Amino acid sequence: MQTSRQLGGMIRAERRALGMRQVDVANALQVRRQTIADLEAGGNAGVHVLMGVLTVLGKRVSLEDGRFDFEGLDLSKRASRV
């Protein structure tokens, strides 16, 4: 996942898979339905809302290192330039 829009789409898919409506999630968190709609569209939402939505959906956050592994790169096979 690279963008807030992708994250929002994943949240929407999970919510739908659970048979929940936006209003169900909003009511559980005591926020407006529009707040959930904005989050699912990739809009700006507070971290507390994001974490709450993930909790309601039974999900958790895990960080993955997205940096390129230069140490594992074999530069000895590079074509030499003349």
C-alpha atoms as a PDB file:
ATOM      1  CA  MET A   1       0.000   0.000   0.000  1.00  0.00           C
ATOM      2  CA  GLN A   2       1.415   3.337  -1.036  1.00  0.00           C
ATOM      3  CA  THR A   3      -1.385   5.902  -0.775  1.00  0.00           C
ATOM      4  CA  SER A   4      -4.195   6.962   1.526  1.00  0.00           C
ATOM      5  CA  ARG A   5      -6.639   6.134  -1.269  1.00  0.00           C
ATOM      6  CA  GLN A   6      -5.348   2.542  -1.359  1.00  0.00           C
ATOM      7  CA  LEU A   7      -5.669   2.295   2.426  1.00  0.00           C
ATOM      8  CA  GLY A   8      -9.207   3.653   2.240  1.00  0.00           C
ATOM      9  CA  GLY A   9     -10.093   1.107  -0.419  1.00  0.00           C
ATOM     10  CA  MET A  10      -8.757  -1.707   1.728  1.00  0.00           C
ATOM     11  CA  ILE A  11     -10.784  -0.476   4.697  1.00  0.00           C
ATOM     12  CA  ARG A  12     -13.924  -0.262   2.539  1.00  0.00           C
ATOM     13  CA  ALA A  13     -13.385  -3.806   1.239  1.00  0.00           C
ATOM     14  CA  GLU A  14     -12.930  -5.173   4.767  1.00  0.00           C
ATOM     15  CA  ARG A  15     -16.022  -3.360   6.041  1.00  0.00           C
ATOM     16  CA  ARG A  16     -18.128  -4.699   3.188  1.00  0.00           C
ATOM     17  CA  ALA A  17     -16.758  -8.223   3.655  1.00  0.00           C
ATOM     18  CA  LEU A  18     -17.980  -8.056   7.252  1.00  0.00           C
ATOM     19  CA  GLY A  19     -21.425  -6.918   6.090  1.00  0.00           C
ATOM     20  CA  MET A  20     -21.096  -3.589   7.883  1.00  0.00           C
ATOM     21  CA  ARG A  21     -22.356  -0.229   6.684  1.00  0.00           C
ATOM     22  CA  GLN A  22     -20.454   3.026   7.086  1.00  0.00           C
ATOM     23  CA  VAL A  23     -23.052   4.133   9.614  1.00  0.00           C
ATOM     24  CA  ASP A  24     -22.416   0.985  11.695  1.00  0.00           C
ATOM     25  CA  VAL A  25     -18.716   1.800  11.960  1.00  0.00           C
ATOM     26  CA  ALA A  26     -19.455   5.482  12.596  1.00  0.00           C
ATOM     27  CA  ASN A  27     -21.893   4.668  15.394  1.00  0.00           C
ATOM     28  CA  ALA A  28     -19.403   2.309  17.034  1.00  0.00           C
ATOM     29  CA  LEU A  29     -16.843   5.133  17.101  1.00  0.00           C
ATOM     30  CA  GLN A  30     -19.312   7.931  17.801  1.00  0.00           C
ATOM     31  CA  VAL A  31     -18.279   9.862  14.689  1.00  0.00           C
ATOM     32  CA  ARG A  32     -20.247  11.045  11.668  1.00  0.00           C
ATOM     33  CA  ARG A  33     -20.841   8.629   8.793  1.00  0.00           C
ATOM     34  CA  GLN A  34     -19.189  11.203   6.528  1.00  0.00           C
ATOM     35  CA  THR A  35     -15.957  10.783   8.516  1.00  0.00           C
ATOM     36  CA  ILE A  36     -15.886   7.090   7.582  1.00  0.00           C
ATOM     37  CA  ALA A  37     -16.756   7.912   3.970  1.00  0.00           C
ATOM     38  CA  ASP A  38     -13.898  10.435   3.843  1.00  0.00           C
ATOM     39  CA  LEU A  39     -11.433   7.899   5.278  1.00  0.00           C
ATOM     40  CA  GLU A  40     -12.503   5.265   2.748  1.00  0.00           C
ATOM     41  CA  ALA A  41     -12.050   7.790  -0.074  1.00  0.00           C
ATOM     42  CA  GLY A  42      -8.480   8.467   1.039  1.00  0.00           C
ATOM     43  CA  GLY A  43      -9.330  11.735   2.729  1.00  0.00           C
ATOM     44  CA  ASN A  44      -7.775  13.230   5.813  1.00  0.00           C
ATOM     45  CA  ALA A  45      -8.870  11.614   9.084  1.00  0.00           C
ATOM     46  CA  GLY A  46      -7.340  11.629  12.524  1.00  0.00           C
ATOM     47  CA  VAL A  47      -5.120   8.756  13.566  1.00  0.00           C
ATOM     48  CA  HIS A  48      -7.563   8.042  16.387  1.00  0.00           C
ATOM     49  CA  VAL A  49     -10.324   7.529  13.805  1.00  0.00           C
ATOM     50  CA  LEU A  50      -8.131   5.277  11.664  1.00  0.00           C
ATOM     51  CA  MET A  51      -7.111   3.167  14.658  1.00  0.00           C
ATOM     52  CA  GLY A  52     -10.719   2.996  15.838  1.00  0.00           C
ATOM     53  CA  VAL A  53     -11.943   1.832  12.438  1.00  0.00           C
ATOM     54  CA  LEU A  54      -9.266  -0.842  12.294  1.00  0.00           C
ATOM     55  CA  THR A  55     -10.251  -2.032  15.766  1.00  0.00           C
ATOM     56  CA  VAL A  56     -13.949  -2.189  14.833  1.00  0.00           C
ATOM     57  CA  LEU A  57     -12.997  -4.214  11.744  1.00  0.00           C
ATOM     58  CA  GLY A  58     -10.784  -6.539  13.799  1.00  0.00           C
ATOM     59  CA  LYS A  59      -7.574  -5.419  12.103  1.00  0.00           C
ATOM     60  CA  ARG A  60      -4.214  -4.163  13.349  1.00  0.00           C
ATOM     61  CA  VAL A  61      -1.307  -2.177  11.937  1.00  0.00           C
ATOM     62  CA  SER A  62       2.016  -3.741  11.043  1.00  0.00           C
ATOM     63  CA  LEU A  63       4.941  -1.801   9.608  1.00  0.00           C
ATOM     64  CA  GLU A  64       7.084  -3.255   6.867  1.00  0.00           C
ATOM     65  CA  ASP A  65      10.449  -1.939   5.750  1.00  0.00           C
ATOM     66  CA  GLY A  66       9.935  -0.576   2.255  1.00  0.00           C
ATOM     67  CA  ARG A  67      13.497   0.558   1.670  1.00  0.00           C
ATOM     68  CA  PHE A  68      15.500  -0.972  -1.145  1.00  0.00           C
ATOM     69  CA  ASP A  69      18.105  -3.556  -0.071  1.00  0.00           C
ATOM     70  CA  PHE A  70      21.336  -2.239  -1.576  1.00  0.00           C
ATOM     71  CA  GLU A  71      23.449  -4.742   0.359  1.00  0.00           C
ATOM     72  CA  GLY A  72      21.781  -7.640  -1.433  1.00  0.00           C
ATOM     73  CA  LEU A  73      22.421  -6.056  -4.833  1.00  0.00           C
ATOM     74  CA  ASP A  74      25.215  -7.717  -6.814  1.00  0.00           C
ATOM     75  CA  LEU A  75      26.983  -4.847  -8.585  1.00  0.00           C
ATOM     76  CA  SER A  76      29.778  -7.082  -9.891  1.00  0.00           C
ATOM     77  CA  LYS A  77      27.586  -8.111 -12.841  1.00  0.00           C
ATOM     78  CA  ARG A  78      27.093  -4.529 -14.018  1.00  0.00           C
ATOM     79  CA  ALA A  79      28.067  -3.917 -17.614  1.00  0.00           C
ATOM     80  CA  SER A  80      31.211  -1.825 -17.813  1.00  0.00           C
ATOM     81  CA  ARG A  81      31.002   1.452 -19.644  1.00  0.00           C
ATOM     82  CA  VAL A  82      33.643   2.363 -22.195  1.00  0.00           C
END
